[in-house]
Amino acid sequence: TGGRTNYADSVKGRFTISRDNAKNTMNLQMNSLKPEDTAVYYCNT
């Protein structure tokens, strides 16, 4: 809630998570994508 972020080792340095509390949205910027990133992505608490 305070904005501190944490990442799985496999995505560190490539993915960036962000949130906009006022708009009630959250984003995941994914760069340098690899075949092993193939998956269904979900958000939740």
All heavy atoms as atom14 arrays in JSON, in Angstrom:
{
  "sequence": "TGGRTNYADSVKGRFTISRDNAKNTMNLQMNSLKPEDTAVYYCNT",
  "atom14_mask": [
    [1, 1, 1, 1, 1, 1, 1, 0, 0, 0, 0, 0, 0, 0],
    [1, 1, 1, 1, 0, 0, 0, 0, 0, 0, 0, 0, 0, 0],
    [1, 1, 1, 1, 0, 0, 0, 0, 0, 0, 0, 0, 0, 0],
    [1, 1, 1, 1, 1, 1, 1, 1, 1, 1, 1, 0, 0, 0],
    [1, 1, 1, 1, 1, 1, 1, 0, 0, 0, 0, 0, 0, 0],
    [1, 1, 1, 1, 1, 1, 1, 1, 0, 0, 0, 0, 0, 0],
    [1, 1, 1, 1, 1, 1, 1, 1, 1, 1, 1, 1, 0, 0],
    [1, 1, 1, 1, 1, 0, 0, 0, 0, 0, 0, 0, 0, 0],
    [1, 1, 1, 1, 1, 1, 1, 1, 0, 0, 0, 0, 0, 0],
    [1, 1, 1, 1, 1, 1, 0, 0, 0, 0, 0, 0, 0, 0],
    [1, 1, 1, 1, 1, 1, 1, 0, 0, 0, 0, 0, 0, 0],
    [1, 1, 1, 1, 1, 1, 1, 1, 1, 0, 0, 0, 0, 0],
    [1, 1, 1, 1, 0, 0, 0, 0, 0, 0, 0, 0, 0, 0],
    [1, 1, 1, 1, 1, 1, 1, 1, 1, 1, 1, 0, 0, 0],
    [1, 1, 1, 1, 1, 1, 1, 1, 1, 1, 1, 0, 0, 0],
    [1, 1, 1, 1, 1, 1, 1, 0, 0, 0, 0, 0, 0, 0],
    [1, 1, 1, 1, 1, 1, 1, 1, 0, 0, 0, 0, 0, 0],
    [1, 1, 1, 1, 1, 1, 0, 0, 0, 0, 0, 0, 0, 0],
    [1, 1, 1, 1, 1, 1, 1, 1, 1, 1, 1, 0, 0, 0],
    [1, 1, 1, 1, 1, 1, 1, 1, 0, 0, 0, 0, 0, 0],
    [1, 1, 1, 1, 1, 1, 1, 1, 0, 0, 0, 0, 0, 0],
    [1, 1, 1, 1, 1, 0, 0, 0, 0, 0, 0, 0, 0, 0],
    [1, 1, 1, 1, 1, 1, 1, 1, 1, 0, 0, 0, 0, 0],
    [1, 1, 1, 1, 1, 1, 1, 1, 0, 0, 0, 0, 0, 0],
    [1, 1, 1, 1, 1, 1, 1, 0, 0, 0, 0, 0, 0, 0],
    [1, 1, 1, 1, 1, 1, 1, 1, 0, 0, 0, 0, 0, 0],
    [1, 1, 1, 1, 1, 1, 1, 1, 0, 0, 0, 0, 0, 0],
    [1, 1, 1, 1, 1, 1, 1, 1, 0, 0, 0, 0, 0, 0],
    [1, 1, 1, 1, 1, 1, 1, 1, 1, 0, 0, 0, 0, 0],
    [1, 1, 1, 1, 1, 1, 1, 1, 0, 0, 0, 0, 0, 0],
    [1, 1, 1, 1, 1, 1, 1, 1, 0, 0, 0, 0, 0, 0],
    [1, 1, 1, 1, 1, 1, 0, 0, 0, 0, 0, 0, 0, 0],
    [1, 1, 1, 1, 1, 1, 1, 1, 0, 0, 0, 0, 0, 0],
    [1, 1, 1, 1, 1, 1, 1, 1, 1, 0, 0, 0, 0, 0],
    [1, 1, 1, 1, 1, 1, 1, 0, 0, 0, 0, 0, 0, 0],
    [1, 1, 1, 1, 1, 1, 1, 1, 1, 0, 0, 0, 0, 0],
    [1, 1, 1, 1, 1, 1, 1, 1, 0, 0, 0, 0, 0, 0],
    [1, 1, 1, 1, 1, 1, 1, 0, 0, 0, 0, 0, 0, 0],
    [1, 1, 1, 1, 1, 0, 0, 0, 0, 0, 0, 0, 0, 0],
    [1, 1, 1, 1, 1, 1, 1, 0, 0, 0, 0, 0, 0, 0],
    [1, 1, 1, 1, 1, 1, 1, 1, 1, 1, 1, 1, 0, 0],
    [1, 1, 1, 1, 1, 1, 1, 1, 1, 1, 1, 1, 0, 0],
    [1, 1, 1, 1, 1, 1, 0, 0, 0, 0, 0, 0, 0, 0],
    [1, 1, 1, 1, 1, 1, 1, 1, 0, 0, 0, 0, 0, 0],
    [1, 1, 1, 1, 1, 1, 1, 0, 0, 0, 0, 0, 0, 0]
  ],
  "atom14_positions": [
    [[0.82, -1.21, 0.0], [0.0, 0.0, 0.0], [0.86, 1.26, 0.0], [0.48, 2.28, -0.58], [-0.93, 0.03, 1.22], [-0.14, -0.17, 2.39], [-1.98, -1.08, 1.13], [0.0, 0.0, 0.0], [0.0, 0.0, 0.0], [0.0, 0.0, 0.0], [0.0, 0.0, 0.0], [0.0, 0.0, 0.0], [0.0, 0.0, 0.0], [0.0, 0.0, 0.0]],
    [[2.03, 1.16, 0.58], [2.93, 2.31, 0.6], [3.77, 2.46, -0.64], [4.5, 3.45, -0.78], [0.0, 0.0, 0.0], [0.0, 0.0, 0.0], [0.0, 0.0, 0.0], [0.0, 0.0, 0.0], [0.0, 0.0, 0.0], [0.0, 0.0, 0.0], [0.0, 0.0, 0.0], [0.0, 0.0, 0.0], [0.0, 0.0, 0.0], [0.0, 0.0, 0.0]],
    [[3.67, 1.48, -1.54], [4.38, 1.57, -2.81], [5.61, 0.71, -2.92], [6.23, 0.63, -4.0], [0.0, 0.0, 0.0], [0.0, 0.0, 0.0], [0.0, 0.0, 0.0], [0.0, 0.0, 0.0], [0.0, 0.0, 0.0], [0.0, 0.0, 0.0], [0.0, 0.0, 0.0], [0.0, 0.0, 0.0], [0.0, 0.0, 0.0], [0.0, 0.0, 0.0]],
    [[6.03, 0.05, -1.83], [7.21, -0.82, -1.91], [6.91, -1.98, -2.84], [5.84, -2.59, -2.76], [7.57, -1.33, -0.53], [8.83, -2.18, -0.5], [9.21, -2.53, 0.93], [10.43, -3.33, 0.99], [11.01, -3.71, 2.12], [10.47, -3.35, 3.29], [12.1, -4.43, 2.09], [0.0, 0.0, 0.0], [0.0, 0.0, 0.0], [0.0, 0.0, 0.0]],
    [[7.86, -2.31, -3.69], [7.66, -3.36, -4.67], [8.59, -4.55, -4.42], [9.65, -4.42, -3.8], [7.9, -2.84, -6.09], [9.23, -2.32, -6.19], [6.91, -1.73, -6.44], [0.0, 0.0, 0.0], [0.0, 0.0, 0.0], [0.0, 0.0, 0.0], [0.0, 0.0, 0.0], [0.0, 0.0, 0.0], [0.0, 0.0, 0.0], [0.0, 0.0, 0.0]],
    [[8.17, -5.69, -4.95], [8.95, -6.92, -4.82], [8.71, -7.75, -6.07], [7.57, -7.78, -6.58], [8.53, -7.69, -3.57], [9.47, -8.82, -3.26], [10.67, -8.68, -3.46], [8.94, -9.93, -2.79], [0.0, 0.0, 0.0], [0.0, 0.0, 0.0], [0.0, 0.0, 0.0], [0.0, 0.0, 0.0], [0.0, 0.0, 0.0], [0.0, 0.0, 0.0]],
    [[9.76, -8.41, -6.54], [9.66, -9.14, -7.8], [10.23, -10.54, -7.66], [11.17, -10.78, -6.9], [10.42, -8.41, -8.9], [9.89, -7.04, -9.2], [10.41, -5.92, -8.56], [8.86, -6.85, -10.12], [9.91, -4.65, -8.81], [8.37, -5.59, -10.39], [8.89, -4.49, -9.73], [8.4, -3.23, -9.99], [0.0, 0.0, 0.0], [0.0, 0.0, 0.0]],
    [[9.66, -11.46, -8.44], [10.26, -12.78, -8.56], [11.62, -12.62, -9.23], [11.81, -11.74, -10.09], [9.36, -13.69, -9.38], [0.0, 0.0, 0.0], [0.0, 0.0, 0.0], [0.0, 0.0, 0.0], [0.0, 0.0, 0.0], [0.0, 0.0, 0.0], [0.0, 0.0, 0.0], [0.0, 0.0, 0.0], [0.0, 0.0, 0.0], [0.0, 0.0, 0.0]],
    [[12.56, -13.47, -8.84], [13.9, -13.36, -9.42], [13.89, -13.44, -10.93], [14.7, -12.8, -11.61], [14.79, -14.47, -8.85], [15.16, -14.22, -7.39], [15.01, -13.07, -6.92], [15.59, -15.19, -6.73], [0.0, 0.0, 0.0], [0.0, 0.0, 0.0], [0.0, 0.0, 0.0], [0.0, 0.0, 0.0], [0.0, 0.0, 0.0], [0.0, 0.0, 0.0]],
    [[12.97, -14.22, -11.47], [12.93, -14.45, -12.92], [12.55, -13.2, -13.71], [12.78, -13.15, -14.92], [11.95, -15.58, -13.24], [10.65, -15.26, -12.77], [0.0, 0.0, 0.0], [0.0, 0.0, 0.0], [0.0, 0.0, 0.0], [0.0, 0.0, 0.0], [0.0, 0.0, 0.0], [0.0, 0.0, 0.0], [0.0, 0.0, 0.0], [0.0, 0.0, 0.0]],
    [[11.96, -12.19, -13.06], [11.51, -11.0, -13.79], [12.19, -9.72, -13.31], [11.94, -8.64, -13.88], [9.98, -10.83, -13.71], [9.28, -12.1, -14.17], [9.53, -10.43, -12.32], [0.0, 0.0, 0.0], [0.0, 0.0, 0.0], [0.0, 0.0, 0.0], [0.0, 0.0, 0.0], [0.0, 0.0, 0.0], [0.0, 0.0, 0.0], [0.0, 0.0, 0.0]],
    [[13.03, -9.82, -12.31], [13.71, -8.62, -11.78], [14.49, -7.91, -12.88], [15.2, -8.55, -13.66], [14.66, -9.0, -10.65], [14.0, -9.14, -9.31], [15.0, -9.49, -8.23], [14.32, -9.69, -6.88], [15.26, -10.12, -5.84], [0.0, 0.0, 0.0], [0.0, 0.0, 0.0], [0.0, 0.0, 0.0], [0.0, 0.0, 0.0], [0.0, 0.0, 0.0]],
    [[14.32, -6.6, -12.93], [15.02, -5.81, -13.92], [14.31, -5.73, -15.26], [14.7, -4.95, -16.13], [0.0, 0.0, 0.0], [0.0, 0.0, 0.0], [0.0, 0.0, 0.0], [0.0, 0.0, 0.0], [0.0, 0.0, 0.0], [0.0, 0.0, 0.0], [0.0, 0.0, 0.0], [0.0, 0.0, 0.0], [0.0, 0.0, 0.0], [0.0, 0.0, 0.0]],
    [[13.27, -6.53, -15.43], [12.52, -6.53, -16.7], [11.08, -6.06, -16.53], [10.51, -5.45, -17.43], [12.52, -7.94, -17.32], [13.9, -8.48, -17.6], [13.84, -9.8, -18.38], [13.16, -10.86, -17.66], [12.07, -11.5, -18.08], [11.52, -11.16, -19.23], [11.54, -12.47, -17.36], [0.0, 0.0, 0.0], [0.0, 0.0, 0.0], [0.0, 0.0, 0.0]],
    [[10.48, -6.37, -15.38], [9.08, -6.03, -15.13], [9.01, -4.91, -14.09], [9.84, -4.84, -13.18], [8.31, -7.23, -14.59], [8.07, -8.33, -15.58], [8.71, -8.38, -16.82], [7.18, -9.36, -15.27], [8.47, -9.4, -17.72], [6.93, -10.39, -16.16], [7.57, -10.41, -17.39], [0.0, 0.0, 0.0], [0.0, 0.0, 0.0], [0.0, 0.0, 0.0]],
    [[7.98, -4.07, -14.24], [7.75, -3.0, -13.27], [6.26, -2.95, -12.94], [5.43, -2.81, -13.83], [8.19, -1.64, -13.83], [9.57, -1.68, -14.18], [7.98, -0.54, -12.78], [0.0, 0.0, 0.0], [0.0, 0.0, 0.0], [0.0, 0.0, 0.0], [0.0, 0.0, 0.0], [0.0, 0.0, 0.0], [0.0, 0.0, 0.0], [0.0, 0.0, 0.0]],
    [[5.97, -3.05, -11.65], [4.59, -2.98, -11.18], [4.31, -1.58, -10.67], [5.17, -0.93, -10.08], [4.34, -4.03, -10.07], [2.86, -4.1, -9.69], [5.21, -3.77, -8.85], [2.53, -5.25, -8.74], [0.0, 0.0, 0.0], [0.0, 0.0, 0.0], [0.0, 0.0, 0.0], [0.0, 0.0, 0.0], [0.0, 0.0, 0.0], [0.0, 0.0, 0.0]],
    [[3.09, -1.1, -10.93], [2.69, 0.23, -10.45], [1.2, 0.21, -10.15], [0.47, -0.66, -10.64], [3.03, 1.31, -11.48], [2.34, 1.08, -12.69], [0.0, 0.0, 0.0], [0.0, 0.0, 0.0], [0.0, 0.0, 0.0], [0.0, 0.0, 0.0], [0.0, 0.0, 0.0], [0.0, 0.0, 0.0], [0.0, 0.0, 0.0], [0.0, 0.0, 0.0]],
    [[0.78, 1.17, -9.35], [-0.63, 1.24, -8.98], [-1.08, 2.69, -8.98], [-0.29, 3.59, -8.73], [-0.87, 0.61, -7.62], [-0.17, 1.33, -6.47], [-0.11, 0.48, -5.21], [-1.43, 0.24, -4.66], [-1.68, -0.68, -3.74], [-0.72, -1.46, -3.3], [-2.9, -0.84, -3.27], [0.0, 0.0, 0.0], [0.0, 0.0, 0.0], [0.0, 0.0, 0.0]],
    [[-2.38, 2.9, -9.27], [-2.97, 4.23, -9.19], [-4.21, 4.08, -8.32], [-5.27, 3.67, -8.79], [-3.32, 4.75, -10.59], [-3.8, 6.19, -10.57], [-4.4, 6.62, -9.56], [-3.6, 6.89, -11.56], [0.0, 0.0, 0.0], [0.0, 0.0, 0.0], [0.0, 0.0, 0.0], [0.0, 0.0, 0.0], [0.0, 0.0, 0.0], [0.0, 0.0, 0.0]],
    [[-4.06, 4.4, -7.05], [-5.16, 4.19, -6.11], [-6.39, 5.02, -6.46], [-7.52, 4.58, -6.29], [-4.7, 4.52, -4.69], [-3.66, 3.54, -4.17], [-3.5, 2.45, -4.71], [-2.93, 3.94, -3.14], [0.0, 0.0, 0.0], [0.0, 0.0, 0.0], [0.0, 0.0, 0.0], [0.0, 0.0, 0.0], [0.0, 0.0, 0.0], [0.0, 0.0, 0.0]],
    [[-6.17, 6.22, -6.97], [-7.3, 7.1, -7.3], [-8.12, 6.52, -8.46], [-9.36, 6.68, -8.48], [-6.78, 8.48, -7.66], [0.0, 0.0, 0.0], [0.0, 0.0, 0.0], [0.0, 0.0, 0.0], [0.0, 0.0, 0.0], [0.0, 0.0, 0.0], [0.0, 0.0, 0.0], [0.0, 0.0, 0.0], [0.0, 0.0, 0.0], [0.0, 0.0, 0.0]],
    [[-7.45, 5.87, -9.39], [-8.14, 5.31, -10.55], [-8.51, 3.84, -10.33], [-9.13, 3.23, -11.2], [-7.28, 5.44, -11.81], [-7.04, 6.87, -12.24], [-6.23, 6.92, -13.52], [-6.02, 8.36, -13.98], [-5.22, 8.42, -15.24], [0.0, 0.0, 0.0], [0.0, 0.0, 0.0], [0.0, 0.0, 0.0], [0.0, 0.0, 0.0], [0.0, 0.0, 0.0]],
    [[-8.08, 3.3, -9.18], [-8.37, 1.9, -8.86], [-7.82, 0.96, -9.94], [-8.51, 0.02, -10.38], [-9.87, 1.69, -8.7], [-10.19, 0.87, -7.47], [-9.48, 0.92, -6.47], [-11.25, 0.1, -7.55], [0.0, 0.0, 0.0], [0.0, 0.0, 0.0], [0.0, 0.0, 0.0], [0.0, 0.0, 0.0], [0.0, 0.0, 0.0], [0.0, 0.0, 0.0]],
    [[-6.6, 1.21, -10.36], [-5.98, 0.37, -11.38], [-4.55, 0.02, -10.98], [-3.94, 0.67, -10.12], [-5.94, 1.07, -12.74], [-5.22, 2.31, -12.61], [-7.33, 1.34, -13.27], [0.0, 0.0, 0.0], [0.0, 0.0, 0.0], [0.0, 0.0, 0.0], [0.0, 0.0, 0.0], [0.0, 0.0, 0.0], [0.0, 0.0, 0.0], [0.0, 0.0, 0.0]],
    [[-4.05, -1.02, -11.6], [-2.68, -1.46, -11.39], [-2.13, -1.9, -12.73], [-2.88, -2.41, -13.57], [-2.66, -2.63, -10.39], [-1.29, -3.16, -10.08], [-1.32, -4.4, -8.76], [-2.21, -5.73, -9.54], [0.0, 0.0, 0.0], [0.0, 0.0, 0.0], [0.0, 0.0, 0.0], [0.0, 0.0, 0.0], [0.0, 0.0, 0.0], [0.0, 0.0, 0.0]],
    [[-0.86, -1.69, -12.94], [-0.24, -2.03, -14.22], [1.0, -2.9, -14.01], [1.59, -2.92, -12.93], [0.16, -0.76, -14.96], [-1.03, 0.08, -15.34], [-1.94, -0.37, -16.01], [-1.03, 1.33, -14.89], [0.0, 0.0, 0.0], [0.0, 0.0, 0.0], [0.0, 0.0, 0.0], [0.0, 0.0, 0.0], [0.0, 0.0, 0.0], [0.0, 0.0, 0.0]],
    [[1.36, -3.6, -15.06], [2.6, -4.36, -15.08], [3.28, -4.1, -16.42], [2.78, -4.55, -17.46], [2.36, -5.85, -14.89], [3.62, -6.71, -14.79], [4.37, -6.4, -13.49], [3.28, -8.2, -14.86], [0.0, 0.0, 0.0], [0.0, 0.0, 0.0], [0.0, 0.0, 0.0], [0.0, 0.0, 0.0], [0.0, 0.0, 0.0], [0.0, 0.0, 0.0]],
    [[4.34, -3.35, -16.39], [5.13, -3.1, -17.59], [6.14, -4.22, -17.74], [6.96, -4.45, -16.84], [5.85, -1.75, -17.49], [6.73, -1.43, -18.68], [5.94, -1.23, -19.95], [4.9, -0.58, -19.95], [6.43, -1.78, -21.05], [0.0, 0.0, 0.0], [0.0, 0.0, 0.0], [0.0, 0.0, 0.0], [0.0, 0.0, 0.0], [0.0, 0.0, 0.0]],
    [[6.08, -4.91, -18.85], [6.95, -6.07, -19.09], [7.85, -5.79, -20.28], [7.35, -5.59, -21.39], [6.11, -7.32, -19.33], [5.08, -7.59, -18.24], [4.24, -9.17, -18.44], [3.4, -8.89, -19.99], [0.0, 0.0, 0.0], [0.0, 0.0, 0.0], [0.0, 0.0, 0.0], [0.0, 0.0, 0.0], [0.0, 0.0, 0.0], [0.0, 0.0, 0.0]],
    [[9.12, -5.74, -20.05], [10.1, -5.5, -21.1], [11.01, -6.72, -21.26], [11.06, -7.59, -20.38], [10.95, -4.28, -20.75], [10.13, -3.02, -20.64], [9.13, -2.83, -21.33], [10.55, -2.11, -19.76], [0.0, 0.0, 0.0], [0.0, 0.0, 0.0], [0.0, 0.0, 0.0], [0.0, 0.0, 0.0], [0.0, 0.0, 0.0], [0.0, 0.0, 0.0]],
    [[11.71, -6.76, -22.37], [12.66, -7.85, -22.65], [12.01, -9.21, -22.41], [12.58, -10.08, -21.74], [13.91, -7.69, -21.76], [14.52, -6.44, -21.97], [0.0, 0.0, 0.0], [0.0, 0.0, 0.0], [0.0, 0.0, 0.0], [0.0, 0.0, 0.0], [0.0, 0.0, 0.0], [0.0, 0.0, 0.0], [0.0, 0.0, 0.0], [0.0, 0.0, 0.0]],
    [[10.85, -9.37, -22.97], [10.09, -10.59, -22.74], [10.79, -11.82, -23.31], [11.46, -11.74, -24.36], [8.69, -10.46, -23.31], [7.74, -9.6, -22.45], [6.54, -9.13, -23.26], [7.29, -10.4, -21.24], [0.0, 0.0, 0.0], [0.0, 0.0, 0.0], [0.0, 0.0, 0.0], [0.0, 0.0, 0.0], [0.0, 0.0, 0.0], [0.0, 0.0, 0.0]],
    [[10.61, -12.93, -22.6], [11.23, -14.2, -22.99], [10.13, -15.25, -23.2], [9.04, -15.12, -22.64], [12.15, -14.68, -21.87], [13.23, -13.7, -21.48], [14.04, -14.23, -20.3], [15.12, -13.25, -19.87], [15.92, -13.76, -18.72], [0.0, 0.0, 0.0], [0.0, 0.0, 0.0], [0.0, 0.0, 0.0], [0.0, 0.0, 0.0], [0.0, 0.0, 0.0]],
    [[10.43, -16.28, -23.97], [9.41, -17.33, -24.17], [8.9, -17.91, -22.85], [7.73, -18.28, -22.75], [10.17, -18.37, -24.99], [11.15, -17.57, -25.78], [11.6, -16.48, -24.84], [0.0, 0.0, 0.0], [0.0, 0.0, 0.0], [0.0, 0.0, 0.0], [0.0, 0.0, 0.0], [0.0, 0.0, 0.0], [0.0, 0.0, 0.0], [0.0, 0.0, 0.0]],
    [[9.76, -17.98, -21.85], [9.34, -18.53, -20.56], [8.41, -17.61, -19.78], [7.9, -17.98, -18.72], [10.55, -18.89, -19.69], [11.57, -17.78, -19.56], [12.73, -17.93, -20.54], [12.46, -18.24, -21.73], [13.9, -17.72, -20.12], [0.0, 0.0, 0.0], [0.0, 0.0, 0.0], [0.0, 0.0, 0.0], [0.0, 0.0, 0.0], [0.0, 0.0, 0.0]],
    [[8.17, -16.41, -20.28], [7.17, -15.51, -19.68], [5.77, -15.84, -20.17], [4.8, -15.25, -19.67], [7.49, -14.05, -20.0], [8.79, -13.58, -19.38], [9.05, -13.92, -18.22], [9.54, -12.86, -20.07], [0.0, 0.0, 0.0], [0.0, 0.0, 0.0], [0.0, 0.0, 0.0], [0.0, 0.0, 0.0], [0.0, 0.0, 0.0], [0.0, 0.0, 0.0]],
    [[5.65, -16.73, -21.13], [4.35, -17.12, -21.65], [3.5, -17.73, -20.54], [3.91, -18.68, -19.88], [4.52, -18.13, -22.8], [5.18, -17.49, -23.89], [3.16, -18.66, -23.25], [0.0, 0.0, 0.0], [0.0, 0.0, 0.0], [0.0, 0.0, 0.0], [0.0, 0.0, 0.0], [0.0, 0.0, 0.0], [0.0, 0.0, 0.0], [0.0, 0.0, 0.0]],
    [[2.32, -17.15, -20.34], [1.44, -17.57, -19.25], [0.16, -16.75, -19.3], [0.07, -15.77, -20.05], [2.11, -17.38, -17.9], [0.0, 0.0, 0.0], [0.0, 0.0, 0.0], [0.0, 0.0, 0.0], [0.0, 0.0, 0.0], [0.0, 0.0, 0.0], [0.0, 0.0, 0.0], [0.0, 0.0, 0.0], [0.0, 0.0, 0.0], [0.0, 0.0, 0.0]],
    [[-0.8, -17.16, -18.48], [-1.96, -16.31, -18.22], [-1.64, -15.49, -16.97], [-1.23, -16.05, -15.95], [-3.24, -17.13, -18.01], [-4.42, -16.2, -17.72], [-3.52, -17.99, -19.23], [0.0, 0.0, 0.0], [0.0, 0.0, 0.0], [0.0, 0.0, 0.0], [0.0, 0.0, 0.0], [0.0, 0.0, 0.0], [0.0, 0.0, 0.0], [0.0, 0.0, 0.0]],
    [[-1.8, -14.19, -17.07], [-1.46, -13.27, -15.99], [-2.73, -12.8, -15.28], [-3.72, -12.44, -15.93], [-0.69, -12.08, -16.53], [0.74, -12.43, -16.88], [1.04, -13.22, -17.97], [1.8, -11.97, -16.09], [2.35, -13.56, -18.28], [3.12, -12.29, -16.4], [3.38, -13.09, -17.49], [4.69, -13.42, -17.8], [0.0, 0.0, 0.0], [0.0, 0.0, 0.0]],
    [[-2.66, -12.8, -13.96], [-3.79, -12.43, -13.12], [-3.36, -11.37, -12.11], [-2.2, -11.33, -11.69], [-4.3, -13.63, -12.32], [-4.7, -14.82, -13.12], [-3.75, -15.79, -13.5], [-6.02, -15.04, -13.49], [-4.11, -16.9, -14.23], [-6.39, -16.17, -14.2], [-5.44, -17.09, -14.57], [-5.8, -18.2, -15.28], [0.0, 0.0, 0.0], [0.0, 0.0, 0.0]],
    [[-4.32, -10.57, -11.66], [-4.05, -9.66, -10.55], [-4.97, -10.06, -9.38], [-6.03, -10.64, -9.57], [-4.29, -8.21, -10.94], [-5.96, -7.8, -11.48], [0.0, 0.0, 0.0], [0.0, 0.0, 0.0], [0.0, 0.0, 0.0], [0.0, 0.0, 0.0], [0.0, 0.0, 0.0], [0.0, 0.0, 0.0], [0.0, 0.0, 0.0], [0.0, 0.0, 0.0]],
    [[-4.5, -9.74, -8.2], [-5.28, -10.02, -6.99], [-4.56, -9.36, -5.83], [-3.5, -8.73, -6.0], [-5.4, -11.52, -6.75], [-6.71, -11.91, -6.09], [-7.05, -11.36, -5.05], [-7.44, -12.82, -6.7], [0.0, 0.0, 0.0], [0.0, 0.0, 0.0], [0.0, 0.0, 0.0], [0.0, 0.0, 0.0], [0.0, 0.0, 0.0], [0.0, 0.0, 0.0]],
    [[-5.14, -9.47, -4.66], [-4.47, -8.95, -3.49], [-3.31, -9.87, -3.12], [-3.19, -10.99, -3.62], [-5.45, -8.86, -2.31], [-6.05, -10.15, -2.11], [-6.54, -7.84, -2.57], [0.0, 0.0, 0.0], [0.0, 0.0, 0.0], [0.0, 0.0, 0.0], [0.0, 0.0, 0.0], [0.0, 0.0, 0.0], [0.0, 0.0, 0.0], [0.0, 0.0, 0.0]]
  ]
}
